[in-house]
Amino acid sequence: MTCSAACLVGLLLGCLWVMPMVKMSTPADLCKPMHTLKASLNFTNRRQYMKHNFPINYTIRVHYEEVFRVSNISRLKARIKGVQVEDLQELWLLVNQEVLKKVVGVLPERHPSRRYSCNLEDLLGKVQQVFQMVQDRRDESEPPEQIQEIWERVRDPEAAGWKWVKPKALLDNCYRTMHCLFNDCFQAPEQEDYCDVRHWRKGNKKQHPQA
């Protein structure tokens, strides 16, 4: 076999080996860990582990940016020129990772909600891994400066702007904004929009019982 023929065979074999790796993680694959996370974030779990297992009206201290509601997504889209949904998805991941760190940080080792909270951290980490693999195959681009500034404030323990919020409210926000930003993974009822604040109001609980 000539050198050129050997090289061609090697190239073909290399392509066959790489192809499964390229297909390993697709946007559809992202829906698998998202659905697992959704199942763990169901209303019954949020109420039991983030409300009933805490003292009445218990709150934890978080950055303003960590109170991440559906309405915040609309404002960011309107305010930040050129923001992509991937930028907001990555922000969602960062914010909720920080929220869960703070929740776990106030729980004693044997608290009945600690295992649940740690499990959510692990599930969110798995979503982050798949999300990152998907993003690595796309053209790299820096997120808008305003998004980077939010990242920095959320990570900065000395940053100004704090708020006391109930743990369940934080996970309710996580659940709702997850549906808005990753709506390709979750089918909304006909004529319903997960990014519409009205969808999550009490009057719509019949349409979305886990709100």
Protein backbone atom coordinates (compact mmCIF):
# COMPACT_ATOMS: atom_id res chain seq x y z
CA MET A 1 0.00 0.00 0.00
CA THR A 2 1.39 3.37 -0.99
CA CYS A 3 1.88 6.14 1.53
CA SER A 4 -0.97 8.21 0.03
CA ALA A 5 -3.35 5.22 0.13
CA ALA A 6 -2.36 4.44 3.72
CA CYS A 7 -2.97 8.05 4.69
CA LEU A 8 -6.40 7.98 3.04
CA VAL A 9 -7.38 4.80 4.89
CA GLY A 10 -6.15 6.32 8.15
CA LEU A 11 -8.16 9.46 7.51
CA LEU A 12 -11.35 7.49 6.85
CA LEU A 13 -10.88 5.40 9.98
CA GLY A 14 -10.24 8.57 11.95
CA CYS A 15 -13.49 10.10 10.68
CA LEU A 16 -15.45 6.98 11.62
CA TRP A 17 -14.01 7.17 15.15
CA VAL A 18 -14.70 10.88 15.54
CA MET A 19 -18.27 10.88 14.20
CA PRO A 20 -19.84 9.26 17.30
CA MET A 21 -17.98 11.77 19.47
CA VAL A 22 -19.43 14.67 17.45
CA LYS A 23 -22.93 13.26 17.88
CA MET A 24 -22.41 12.62 21.58
CA SER A 25 -24.03 15.84 22.69
CA THR A 26 -26.74 17.70 20.78
CA PRO A 27 -29.38 20.21 21.86
CA ALA A 28 -31.79 17.25 22.06
CA ASP A 29 -29.40 15.58 24.52
CA LEU A 30 -29.69 18.65 26.73
CA CYS A 31 -33.38 17.87 27.24
CA LYS A 32 -32.61 14.59 29.01
CA PRO A 33 -30.89 16.13 32.07
CA MET A 34 -33.38 19.02 31.93
CA HIS A 35 -36.30 16.63 32.34
CA THR A 36 -34.53 14.88 35.21
CA LEU A 37 -33.99 18.25 36.88
CA LYS A 38 -37.63 19.19 36.27
CA ALA A 39 -38.81 15.98 37.94
CA SER A 40 -36.75 16.76 41.04
CA LEU A 41 -37.99 20.36 41.07
CA ASN A 42 -41.64 19.34 41.11
CA PHE A 43 -44.02 21.36 43.28
CA THR A 44 -44.34 18.69 45.99
CA ASN A 45 -40.56 18.54 46.49
CA ARG A 46 -40.14 22.30 46.48
CA ARG A 47 -42.88 22.71 49.06
CA GLN A 48 -41.65 19.91 51.32
CA TYR A 49 -37.90 20.52 51.21
CA MET A 50 -37.81 24.30 50.78
CA LYS A 51 -40.82 25.34 52.88
CA HIS A 52 -42.09 22.75 55.35
CA ASN A 53 -38.61 21.70 56.47
CA PHE A 54 -37.64 25.31 57.26
CA PRO A 55 -38.88 27.60 60.05
CA ILE A 56 -41.93 29.69 59.14
CA ASN A 57 -40.98 32.64 56.89
CA TYR A 58 -37.30 31.58 56.85
CA THR A 59 -35.18 33.53 54.36
CA ILE A 60 -31.61 33.39 53.05
CA ARG A 61 -29.41 36.22 51.81
CA VAL A 62 -28.79 36.32 48.06
CA HIS A 63 -27.68 38.84 45.44
CA TYR A 64 -30.42 40.81 43.71
CA GLU A 65 -29.42 39.09 40.45
CA GLU A 66 -30.07 35.70 42.05
CA VAL A 67 -33.75 36.57 42.37
CA PHE A 68 -34.07 35.55 38.73
CA ARG A 69 -37.70 35.69 37.60
CA VAL A 70 -39.43 35.30 34.23
CA SER A 71 -39.88 39.08 34.19
CA ASN A 72 -36.09 39.50 34.47
CA ILE A 73 -35.64 37.55 31.25
CA SER A 74 -37.98 39.91 29.37
CA ARG A 75 -36.14 42.95 30.74
CA LEU A 76 -32.72 41.57 29.82
CA LYS A 77 -33.87 40.82 26.27
CA ALA A 78 -35.23 44.34 25.91
CA ARG A 79 -32.28 46.08 27.55
CA ILE A 80 -29.26 44.22 26.15
CA LYS A 81 -28.65 44.59 22.44
CA GLY A 82 -27.59 41.37 20.72
CA VAL A 83 -28.19 39.09 23.71
CA GLN A 84 -28.64 35.47 22.63
CA VAL A 85 -30.78 32.84 24.31
CA GLU A 86 -27.57 30.87 24.98
CA ASP A 87 -26.25 33.84 26.99
CA LEU A 88 -29.38 33.82 29.15
CA GLN A 89 -29.28 30.04 29.51
CA GLU A 90 -25.70 30.23 30.74
CA LEU A 91 -26.69 33.02 33.13
CA TRP A 92 -29.55 30.84 34.40
CA LEU A 93 -27.11 28.03 35.11
CA LEU A 94 -24.69 30.29 36.98
CA VAL A 95 -27.40 32.02 39.03
CA ASN A 96 -29.04 28.80 40.13
CA GLN A 97 -25.73 27.12 40.94
CA GLU A 98 -24.98 30.05 43.24
CA VAL A 99 -28.48 29.91 44.74
CA LEU A 100 -28.10 26.23 45.58
CA LYS A 101 -24.67 26.83 47.12
CA LYS A 102 -26.27 29.38 49.44
CA VAL A 103 -29.14 27.03 50.31
CA VAL A 104 -26.77 24.16 51.08
CA GLY A 105 -24.55 26.56 53.02
CA VAL A 106 -27.26 27.27 55.62
CA LEU A 107 -28.25 23.62 56.10
CA PRO A 108 -26.69 21.53 58.91
CA GLU A 109 -25.20 18.19 57.87
CA ARG A 110 -28.24 16.17 58.99
CA HIS A 111 -30.94 18.60 57.94
CA PRO A 112 -33.75 16.75 56.09
CA SER A 113 -33.43 19.09 53.09
CA ARG A 114 -29.67 18.87 52.66
CA ARG A 115 -29.59 15.68 50.59
CA TYR A 116 -32.30 17.02 48.30
CA SER A 117 -30.44 20.31 47.81
CA CYS A 118 -27.15 18.54 47.12
CA ASN A 119 -28.90 16.30 44.61
CA LEU A 120 -30.20 19.39 42.81
CA GLU A 121 -26.64 20.74 42.72
CA ASP A 122 -25.47 17.51 41.08
CA LEU A 123 -28.31 17.54 38.54
CA LEU A 124 -27.60 21.16 37.65
CA GLY A 125 -23.93 20.25 37.24
CA LYS A 126 -24.89 17.55 34.73
CA VAL A 127 -26.99 20.05 32.78
CA GLN A 128 -23.98 22.39 32.81
CA GLN A 129 -21.70 19.67 31.38
CA VAL A 130 -24.02 18.85 28.48
CA PHE A 131 -24.71 22.54 27.85
CA GLN A 132 -21.00 23.26 27.67
CA MET A 133 -20.41 20.43 25.18
CA VAL A 134 -23.18 21.83 22.99
CA GLN A 135 -21.70 25.33 23.17
CA ASP A 136 -18.18 24.11 22.39
CA ARG A 137 -19.37 23.02 18.94
CA ARG A 138 -20.79 26.43 18.13
CA ASP A 139 -18.90 29.53 17.07
CA GLU A 140 -17.28 31.04 20.15
CA SER A 141 -18.43 34.55 20.95
CA GLU A 142 -18.20 36.65 24.04
CA PRO A 143 -21.50 37.32 25.84
CA PRO A 144 -22.62 40.96 26.01
CA GLU A 145 -20.77 43.09 28.54
CA GLN A 146 -23.89 43.53 30.68
CA ILE A 147 -24.21 39.74 31.06
CA GLN A 148 -20.55 39.44 32.06
CA GLU A 149 -21.09 42.17 34.66
CA ILE A 150 -23.97 40.18 36.18
CA TRP A 151 -21.72 37.10 36.30
CA GLU A 152 -19.10 39.07 38.18
CA ARG A 153 -21.56 40.52 40.70
CA VAL A 154 -23.11 37.12 41.40
CA ARG A 155 -19.68 35.61 42.06
CA ASP A 156 -18.49 38.54 44.20
CA PRO A 157 -19.29 38.10 47.92
CA GLU A 158 -18.42 41.77 48.47
CA ALA A 159 -20.73 43.13 45.78
CA ALA A 160 -23.43 45.56 46.90
CA GLY A 161 -27.08 44.66 46.56
CA TRP A 162 -28.45 41.83 48.67
CA LYS A 163 -31.94 40.57 49.41
CA TRP A 164 -33.50 38.14 51.89
CA VAL A 165 -35.64 35.57 50.06
CA LYS A 166 -37.47 32.38 51.00
CA PRO A 167 -35.74 29.22 49.70
CA LYS A 168 -38.92 27.96 48.03
CA ALA A 169 -39.34 31.26 46.16
CA LEU A 170 -35.83 30.88 44.75
CA LEU A 171 -36.53 27.36 43.50
CA ASP A 172 -39.92 28.44 42.15
CA ASN A 173 -38.02 31.02 40.09
CA CYS A 174 -35.58 28.34 38.95
CA TYR A 175 -38.44 26.09 37.82
CA ARG A 176 -40.32 28.78 35.92
CA THR A 177 -37.36 30.40 34.19
CA MET A 178 -36.09 26.94 33.22
CA HIS A 179 -39.30 26.43 31.23
CA CYS A 180 -38.93 29.84 29.59
CA LEU A 181 -35.27 29.55 28.57
CA PHE A 182 -35.25 25.85 27.64
CA ASN A 183 -38.77 25.79 26.18
CA ASP A 184 -37.71 23.47 23.35
CA CYS A 185 -37.49 20.74 26.00
CA PHE A 186 -40.92 21.42 27.49
CA GLN A 187 -44.13 21.49 25.45
CA ALA A 188 -46.43 24.26 26.59
CA PRO A 189 -50.21 23.85 26.47
CA GLU A 190 -51.82 25.30 23.35
CA GLN A 191 -51.60 29.09 23.22
CA GLU A 192 -49.53 29.20 26.41
CA ASP A 193 -46.13 30.89 26.64
CA TYR A 194 -43.73 29.92 29.44
CA CYS A 195 -42.02 33.30 29.06
CA ASP A 196 -45.27 35.14 29.75
CA VAL A 197 -45.56 36.18 33.39
CA ARG A 198 -49.33 35.69 33.18
CA HIS A 199 -48.84 31.96 32.59
CA TRP A 200 -47.38 31.57 36.09
CA ARG A 201 -50.00 33.52 37.99
CA LYS A 202 -52.25 31.65 40.40
CA GLY A 203 -55.12 31.62 37.92
CA ASN A 204 -53.08 29.38 35.59
CA LYS A 205 -52.28 26.64 38.11
CA LYS A 206 -54.89 24.40 36.55
CA GLN A 207 -52.97 24.62 33.26
CA HIS A 208 -49.59 24.19 34.93
CA PRO A 209 -50.16 22.45 38.31
CA GLN A 210 -46.46 22.37 39.19
CA ALA A 211 -46.02 26.13 38.97
